[in-house]
N, C-alpha and C. Protein backbone atom coordinates (compact mmCIF):
# COMPACT_ATOMS: atom_id res chain seq x y z
N MET A 1 -14.08 -1.48 3.44
CA MET A 1 -13.41 -0.60 3.18
C MET A 1 -12.33 -1.44 3.27
N THR A 2 -11.00 -1.56 2.17
CA THR A 2 -9.87 -1.72 2.54
C THR A 2 -9.24 -0.97 3.39
N GLN A 3 -8.32 -1.73 3.76
CA GLN A 3 -7.59 -1.24 5.24
C GLN A 3 -5.72 -1.45 4.50
N PHE A 4 -4.87 -0.42 4.55
CA PHE A 4 -3.55 -0.25 3.66
C PHE A 4 -2.52 -0.09 4.68
N THR A 5 -1.44 0.24 5.13
CA THR A 5 -0.56 -0.45 5.90
C THR A 5 0.77 0.60 5.06
N VAL A 6 1.81 1.71 5.84
CA VAL A 6 2.36 2.29 5.18
C VAL A 6 3.92 2.08 5.53
N GLY A 7 4.81 1.67 4.42
CA GLY A 7 6.01 1.80 5.07
C GLY A 7 7.21 3.08 4.66
N LEU A 8 7.63 3.09 5.77
CA LEU A 8 8.32 4.37 5.63
C LEU A 8 10.01 4.03 6.05
N GLY A 9 10.52 4.80 4.77
CA GLY A 9 12.09 5.02 5.02
C GLY A 9 12.37 6.00 3.88
N CYS A 10 13.24 6.47 5.05
CA CYS A 10 13.37 8.34 4.84
C CYS A 10 14.88 8.59 5.21
N ASP A 11 15.70 9.41 4.28
CA ASP A 11 17.07 10.57 4.86
C ASP A 11 17.11 10.66 6.61
N ARG A 12 18.15 10.87 7.39
CA ARG A 12 18.04 11.45 8.57
C ARG A 12 17.30 12.62 8.52
N GLY A 13 16.60 13.19 9.17
CA GLY A 13 17.03 14.27 9.49
C GLY A 13 15.62 15.06 8.59
N VAL A 14 14.85 13.89 7.61
CA VAL A 14 14.20 14.34 6.85
C VAL A 14 12.85 15.54 7.60
N LEU A 15 12.14 16.61 6.05
CA LEU A 15 10.97 17.48 7.06
C LEU A 15 9.92 16.65 6.69
N LEU A 16 9.41 16.84 8.38
CA LEU A 16 7.74 16.63 8.17
C LEU A 16 6.85 16.42 6.97
N GLU A 17 7.14 17.92 6.17
CA GLU A 17 5.85 18.25 4.81
C GLU A 17 7.32 16.76 3.42
N THR A 18 8.00 16.81 3.76
CA THR A 18 8.82 15.68 2.43
C THR A 18 7.49 14.22 2.55
N LEU A 19 8.03 14.36 4.18
CA LEU A 19 7.17 12.42 4.05
C LEU A 19 6.59 12.55 4.02
N ARG A 20 5.47 13.82 4.62
CA ARG A 20 3.72 13.52 4.35
C ARG A 20 3.40 13.76 2.64
N GLU A 21 4.49 14.73 1.69
CA GLU A 21 4.10 14.79 0.74
C GLU A 21 4.09 13.75 -0.52
N ALA A 22 5.33 12.28 0.25
CA ALA A 22 5.91 11.20 -0.12
C ALA A 22 4.49 10.44 -0.47
N VAL A 23 3.94 10.36 1.40
CA VAL A 23 3.25 9.36 1.60
C VAL A 23 1.20 9.73 0.82
N GLN A 24 1.56 11.11 0.85
CA GLN A 24 0.02 11.82 -0.03
C GLN A 24 0.30 11.19 -1.27
N ALA A 25 1.15 11.38 -1.96
CA ALA A 25 1.49 10.39 -3.96
C ALA A 25 0.95 9.26 -3.31
N ALA A 26 1.98 8.64 -2.73
CA ALA A 26 1.54 7.03 -2.56
C ALA A 26 0.59 6.32 -2.43
N LEU A 27 -0.48 6.92 -1.26
CA LEU A 27 -1.62 6.66 -1.41
C LEU A 27 -2.77 7.07 -2.47
N ALA A 28 -2.43 8.32 -2.84
CA ALA A 28 -2.84 8.52 -4.23
C ALA A 28 -2.35 7.38 -5.03
N ASP A 29 -1.37 6.86 -5.64
CA ASP A 29 -1.33 6.23 -6.60
C ASP A 29 -1.50 4.76 -6.06
N ALA A 30 -2.40 4.62 -4.91
CA ALA A 30 -3.65 3.38 -4.94
C ALA A 30 -4.71 3.56 -4.28
N GLY A 31 -4.62 4.22 -4.66
CA GLY A 31 -6.36 5.07 -5.14
C GLY A 31 -6.77 5.25 -3.53
N ALA A 32 -5.99 5.07 -2.45
CA ALA A 32 -6.04 5.24 -0.95
C ALA A 32 -6.47 6.46 -0.58
N HIS A 33 -6.73 6.56 0.63
CA HIS A 33 -6.13 7.69 1.40
C HIS A 33 -6.27 7.43 2.70
N ALA A 34 -5.45 8.79 3.50
CA ALA A 34 -4.88 8.62 5.25
C ALA A 34 -6.14 7.47 5.93
N GLY A 35 -7.52 7.69 5.93
CA GLY A 35 -8.31 7.00 7.03
C GLY A 35 -8.05 5.35 6.82
N GLN A 36 -7.97 5.41 5.28
CA GLN A 36 -8.10 3.53 5.39
C GLN A 36 -6.65 3.07 6.17
N VAL A 37 -5.35 3.78 5.96
CA VAL A 37 -4.36 3.47 6.96
C VAL A 37 -4.75 2.94 8.29
N VAL A 38 -4.38 1.97 8.65
CA VAL A 38 -4.30 1.19 9.91
C VAL A 38 -3.22 1.28 10.27
N ALA A 39 -2.13 1.30 10.07
CA ALA A 39 -0.70 1.27 10.83
C ALA A 39 0.37 1.62 9.95
N ALA A 40 1.29 2.43 10.10
CA ALA A 40 3.12 2.95 9.48
C ALA A 40 4.03 2.45 9.85
N ALA A 41 5.07 1.61 8.89
CA ALA A 41 6.43 0.94 9.77
C ALA A 41 7.77 1.38 8.72
N SER A 42 8.10 1.03 9.64
CA SER A 42 9.53 1.51 9.82
C SER A 42 10.36 0.46 9.77
N ILE A 43 12.33 0.95 9.77
CA ILE A 43 12.99 -0.01 10.45
C ILE A 43 13.65 0.69 12.00
N ALA A 44 14.31 -0.13 13.02
CA ALA A 44 14.16 0.25 14.28
C ALA A 44 15.17 1.49 14.43
N LEU A 45 16.38 1.55 13.70
CA LEU A 45 17.39 2.65 13.77
C LEU A 45 16.64 4.14 13.19
N LYS A 46 14.93 4.36 12.74
CA LYS A 46 14.45 5.13 12.86
C LYS A 46 13.30 5.44 14.21
N ARG A 47 13.52 4.76 15.39
CA ARG A 47 12.48 4.77 16.13
C ARG A 47 12.67 6.35 16.60
N ASP A 48 13.80 7.29 16.77
CA ASP A 48 13.35 8.46 17.04
C ASP A 48 13.34 9.76 15.72
N GLU A 49 13.20 9.21 14.81
CA GLU A 49 13.10 9.93 13.73
C GLU A 49 12.09 10.70 13.88
N ALA A 50 11.96 12.26 13.94
CA ALA A 50 11.03 13.34 13.86
C ALA A 50 9.61 13.24 13.29
N ALA A 51 10.13 13.47 11.48
CA ALA A 51 9.13 13.40 10.95
C ALA A 51 8.17 11.52 11.05
N LEU A 52 9.08 10.98 10.86
CA LEU A 52 8.35 9.68 10.70
C LEU A 52 7.00 10.05 12.39
N LEU A 53 7.99 10.56 13.12
CA LEU A 53 6.52 10.63 14.81
C LEU A 53 5.33 11.24 14.26
N ALA A 54 6.14 12.64 13.89
CA ALA A 54 5.14 13.65 13.72
C ALA A 54 4.07 13.27 12.61
N LEU A 55 4.10 12.04 11.59
CA LEU A 55 3.74 11.93 10.75
C LEU A 55 2.53 11.08 11.22
N ALA A 56 3.20 10.21 11.75
CA ALA A 56 2.16 9.11 12.89
C ALA A 56 1.27 9.67 14.10
N ALA A 57 1.94 10.46 14.83
CA ALA A 57 0.36 10.86 15.41
C ALA A 57 -0.59 12.10 14.70
N GLU A 58 0.10 12.88 13.82
CA GLU A 58 -0.68 13.66 13.31
C GLU A 58 -1.74 12.72 12.34
N ASN A 59 -1.74 11.50 11.77
CA ASN A 59 -2.64 10.70 11.08
C ASN A 59 -3.41 9.97 12.49
N GLY A 60 -2.71 10.27 13.38
CA GLY A 60 -3.44 8.77 14.81
C GLY A 60 -2.86 7.37 14.29
N TRP A 61 -1.90 7.27 13.54
CA TRP A 61 -1.79 5.47 12.96
C TRP A 61 -0.33 5.08 13.79
N PRO A 62 -0.88 4.36 14.34
CA PRO A 62 0.25 3.63 15.49
C PRO A 62 1.69 3.24 14.48
N LEU A 63 2.80 3.40 15.13
CA LEU A 63 3.85 3.34 14.19
C LEU A 63 4.66 2.18 14.62
N HIS A 64 5.06 1.23 14.01
CA HIS A 64 5.63 -0.38 14.33
C HIS A 64 7.01 0.04 13.48
N PHE A 65 7.99 -0.48 14.62
CA PHE A 65 9.63 -0.83 13.94
C PHE A 65 10.28 -1.57 14.01
N TYR A 66 10.68 -2.31 12.82
CA TYR A 66 11.35 -3.35 12.80
C TYR A 66 13.16 -3.50 12.76
N GLU A 67 13.24 -4.48 13.43
CA GLU A 67 14.61 -4.51 13.03
C GLU A 67 15.16 -5.21 12.17
N ALA A 68 16.71 -4.70 11.63
CA ALA A 68 16.80 -5.52 9.98
C ALA A 68 17.11 -6.43 9.39
N GLN A 69 16.86 -7.72 10.73
CA GLN A 69 16.97 -8.93 10.24
C GLN A 69 15.91 -8.96 9.99
N GLU A 70 14.58 -8.54 10.69
CA GLU A 70 13.38 -8.58 10.64
C GLU A 70 12.76 -8.44 9.04
N LEU A 71 13.29 -7.20 8.78
CA LEU A 71 13.21 -6.65 7.58
C LEU A 71 13.77 -7.60 6.88
N ALA A 72 14.74 -8.04 6.66
CA ALA A 72 15.63 -8.67 5.44
C ALA A 72 15.11 -10.25 5.51
N ALA A 73 14.26 -10.14 6.07
CA ALA A 73 13.96 -11.79 5.92
C ALA A 73 12.47 -11.76 4.50
N VAL A 74 11.81 -10.52 4.50
CA VAL A 74 11.00 -10.13 3.82
C VAL A 74 11.07 -10.52 2.16
N GLU A 75 10.17 -11.21 1.55
CA GLU A 75 10.74 -11.37 0.03
C GLU A 75 10.08 -9.66 -0.93
N VAL A 76 11.01 -9.06 -1.47
CA VAL A 76 10.53 -7.68 -1.76
C VAL A 76 10.65 -7.66 -3.16
N PRO A 77 9.92 -7.21 -4.16
CA PRO A 77 10.21 -7.09 -5.54
C PRO A 77 11.78 -6.06 -5.67
N HIS A 78 12.06 -5.56 -4.82
CA HIS A 78 13.04 -4.55 -4.98
C HIS A 78 14.06 -3.66 -4.07
N PRO A 79 14.96 -5.26 -4.13
CA PRO A 79 15.90 -5.59 -2.69
C PRO A 79 16.86 -4.02 -3.17
N SER A 80 17.41 -2.81 -2.37
CA SER A 80 18.16 -2.52 -2.68
C SER A 80 20.11 -2.68 -1.97
N GLU A 81 21.12 -2.87 -2.41
CA GLU A 81 22.22 -2.92 -1.87
C GLU A 81 22.65 -1.55 -1.15
N THR A 82 22.56 -0.51 -1.81
CA THR A 82 22.98 0.96 -1.20
C THR A 82 21.85 0.61 0.45
N VAL A 83 20.57 0.29 0.42
CA VAL A 83 20.16 0.68 1.32
C VAL A 83 20.15 -0.73 2.49
N ARG A 84 20.99 -1.43 2.06
CA ARG A 84 21.86 -2.53 2.80
C ARG A 84 22.63 -2.41 3.25
N ARG A 85 23.51 -1.64 2.52
CA ARG A 85 24.48 -0.62 3.12
C ARG A 85 24.52 -0.42 4.40
N TYR A 86 23.20 0.70 4.84
CA TYR A 86 23.30 1.60 4.93
C TYR A 86 22.59 1.06 6.13
N THR A 87 21.88 -0.25 5.88
CA THR A 87 20.99 -0.31 7.02
C THR A 87 20.83 -1.53 7.85
N GLY A 88 21.63 -2.67 6.76
CA GLY A 88 21.96 -3.83 7.21
C GLY A 88 20.11 -4.82 6.51
N THR A 89 19.55 -4.19 5.92
CA THR A 89 18.57 -4.82 5.08
C THR A 89 18.31 -4.55 3.52
N PRO A 90 18.00 -4.69 2.65
CA PRO A 90 17.95 -4.34 1.17
C PRO A 90 16.44 -4.01 1.00
N SER A 91 15.56 -3.60 2.08
CA SER A 91 13.95 -3.25 2.06
C SER A 91 14.31 -2.81 3.25
N VAL A 92 13.43 -1.29 3.20
CA VAL A 92 12.99 -0.72 4.57
C VAL A 92 11.59 -0.48 4.68
N SER A 93 10.97 0.10 3.44
CA SER A 93 9.46 0.51 2.97
C SER A 93 9.31 -0.87 2.45
N GLU A 94 9.34 -1.34 1.91
CA GLU A 94 8.37 -2.66 1.38
C GLU A 94 8.13 -3.82 2.49
N ALA A 95 9.32 -4.14 2.82
CA ALA A 95 9.46 -4.93 3.63
C ALA A 95 8.38 -4.48 5.43
N ALA A 96 8.35 -2.98 5.60
CA ALA A 96 8.08 -2.63 6.82
C ALA A 96 6.38 -2.76 6.59
N ALA A 97 5.97 -2.42 5.30
CA ALA A 97 5.14 -2.31 5.12
C ALA A 97 4.04 -3.65 5.08
N LEU A 98 4.87 -4.23 4.44
CA LEU A 98 4.37 -6.06 4.35
C LEU A 98 4.41 -6.49 5.87
N LEU A 99 5.08 -6.26 6.57
CA LEU A 99 5.31 -6.77 7.46
C LEU A 99 3.61 -6.23 9.26
N ALA A 100 3.71 -4.76 8.34
CA ALA A 100 2.98 -4.06 9.28
C ALA A 100 0.91 -4.80 8.67
N ALA A 101 1.33 -5.12 7.54
CA ALA A 101 0.01 -6.11 7.18
C ALA A 101 -0.80 -6.98 7.65
N GLY A 102 0.71 -7.62 8.38
CA GLY A 102 0.36 -9.03 9.18
C GLY A 102 1.10 -10.05 8.43
N ALA A 103 1.47 -11.41 9.47
CA ALA A 103 2.87 -12.65 9.52
C ALA A 103 2.20 -13.35 7.38
N ASN A 104 3.06 -13.09 7.43
CA ASN A 104 2.96 -14.71 6.15
C ASN A 104 2.52 -13.37 4.54
N THR A 105 2.44 -12.12 4.96
CA THR A 105 1.55 -11.48 3.98
C THR A 105 2.26 -11.72 2.65
N PRO A 106 1.83 -11.47 1.51
CA PRO A 106 2.64 -11.90 0.67
C PRO A 106 3.10 -10.65 -0.52
N MET A 107 4.04 -10.61 -1.30
CA MET A 107 4.54 -9.26 -1.71
C MET A 107 3.24 -8.75 -2.69
N THR A 108 3.12 -10.08 -2.99
CA THR A 108 1.39 -9.43 -4.03
C THR A 108 0.29 -8.45 -3.25
N ALA A 109 0.80 -8.19 -2.39
CA ALA A 109 0.05 -7.22 -1.11
C ALA A 109 0.46 -5.69 -1.59
N LEU A 110 1.50 -5.40 -1.92
CA LEU A 110 2.00 -3.97 -2.31
C LEU A 110 1.29 -3.72 -3.55
N VAL A 111 0.46 -2.42 -3.04
CA VAL A 111 0.01 -1.81 -3.77
C VAL A 111 0.32 -0.89 -4.90
N VAL A 112 1.72 0.07 -3.62
CA VAL A 112 2.48 0.63 -4.16
C VAL A 112 3.31 0.28 -3.89
N GLU A 113 4.50 -0.43 -4.87
CA GLU A 113 5.54 -0.99 -4.08
C GLU A 113 6.91 0.02 -3.48
N LYS A 114 7.66 0.97 -4.41
CA LYS A 114 8.46 1.95 -3.51
C LYS A 114 8.13 3.53 -4.49
N HIS A 115 7.42 4.04 -3.74
CA HIS A 115 6.95 5.88 -3.96
C HIS A 115 8.57 6.37 -3.60
N LYS A 116 9.15 7.29 -4.90
CA LYS A 116 10.41 7.88 -3.93
C LYS A 116 10.13 8.86 -4.27
N LEU A 117 10.76 10.05 -3.22
CA LEU A 117 10.35 11.27 -3.61
C LEU A 117 11.29 11.96 -2.72
N LYS A 118 12.09 13.01 -3.40
CA LYS A 118 13.37 13.75 -3.08
C LYS A 118 12.54 14.98 -2.70
N GLY A 119 12.42 15.96 -1.20
CA GLY A 119 11.47 16.90 -0.81
C GLY A 119 12.64 17.84 -1.25
N ALA A 120 11.60 19.34 -0.84
CA ALA A 120 12.36 20.52 -1.01
C ALA A 120 13.44 21.07 -0.53
N ASP A 121 13.48 20.04 0.98
CA ASP A 121 14.45 19.92 1.87
C ASP A 121 16.19 18.95 1.57
N GLY A 122 16.15 18.70 0.29
CA GLY A 122 17.39 17.95 -0.62
C GLY A 122 16.93 16.50 0.00
N ARG A 123 16.48 16.15 1.30
CA ARG A 123 15.97 14.88 1.37
C ARG A 123 15.62 13.51 1.14
N ASN A 124 15.11 12.47 0.87
CA ASN A 124 14.53 11.64 0.19
C ASN A 124 13.48 10.87 1.37
N ALA A 125 12.43 10.37 0.50
CA ALA A 125 11.83 9.19 1.26
C ALA A 125 11.30 8.55 0.21
N THR A 126 11.22 7.35 1.35
CA THR A 126 10.82 6.08 0.29
C THR A 126 8.43 5.81 0.98
N VAL A 127 8.10 5.27 0.38
CA VAL A 127 6.83 5.11 0.64
C VAL A 127 6.23 3.54 -0.01
N SER A 128 6.00 2.55 0.95
CA SER A 128 5.00 1.64 -0.18
C SER A 128 4.25 1.27 1.04
N VAL A 129 2.89 0.81 -0.41
CA VAL A 129 1.90 0.66 0.45
C VAL A 129 1.43 -1.13 0.45
N ALA A 130 0.27 -1.27 1.57
CA ALA A 130 0.30 -2.61 1.36
C ALA A 130 -0.97 -2.79 1.58
N ARG A 131 -1.89 -3.45 1.09
CA ARG A 131 -3.45 -4.37 1.85
C ARG A 131 -2.94 -5.04 3.06
N LYS A 132 -3.68 -4.68 3.60
CA LYS A 132 -3.62 -4.98 4.98
C LYS A 132 -4.23 -6.65 5.13
N GLN A 133 -3.50 -7.32 5.54
CA GLN A 133 -4.76 -9.18 4.93
C GLN A 133 -5.64 -9.34 6.40
N PRO A 134 -6.93 -9.80 5.72
CA PRO A 134 -7.76 -9.65 6.73
C PRO A 134 -7.33 -10.97 8.50
């Protein structure tokens, strides 16, 4: 069974329901399900983001946090200057998914590059899905 990692980016204060909906849609796009996810990851700035912590806990996923400079060192298909301005890295979800998938994971391992969702709460969530490296 193929294993996956999910990279998570979100607005501060995003609701769990918004994040859950974004992850479910991204996994569906990947032809995967939550049981195939072996880790979730985000930027260290989000270490205290309630929805991230709750989503990882409800799915039993280990949750990894990376510093902006670690994320910035990862080559991604969709870097964003807006994200860089706010976080210090051009990518959160794509880079986090790749780092969680294993050292030197190529960007070709991204099966969902950048799934964006604006929830009913008006907040944004971004999810990327990568194939876990053996």
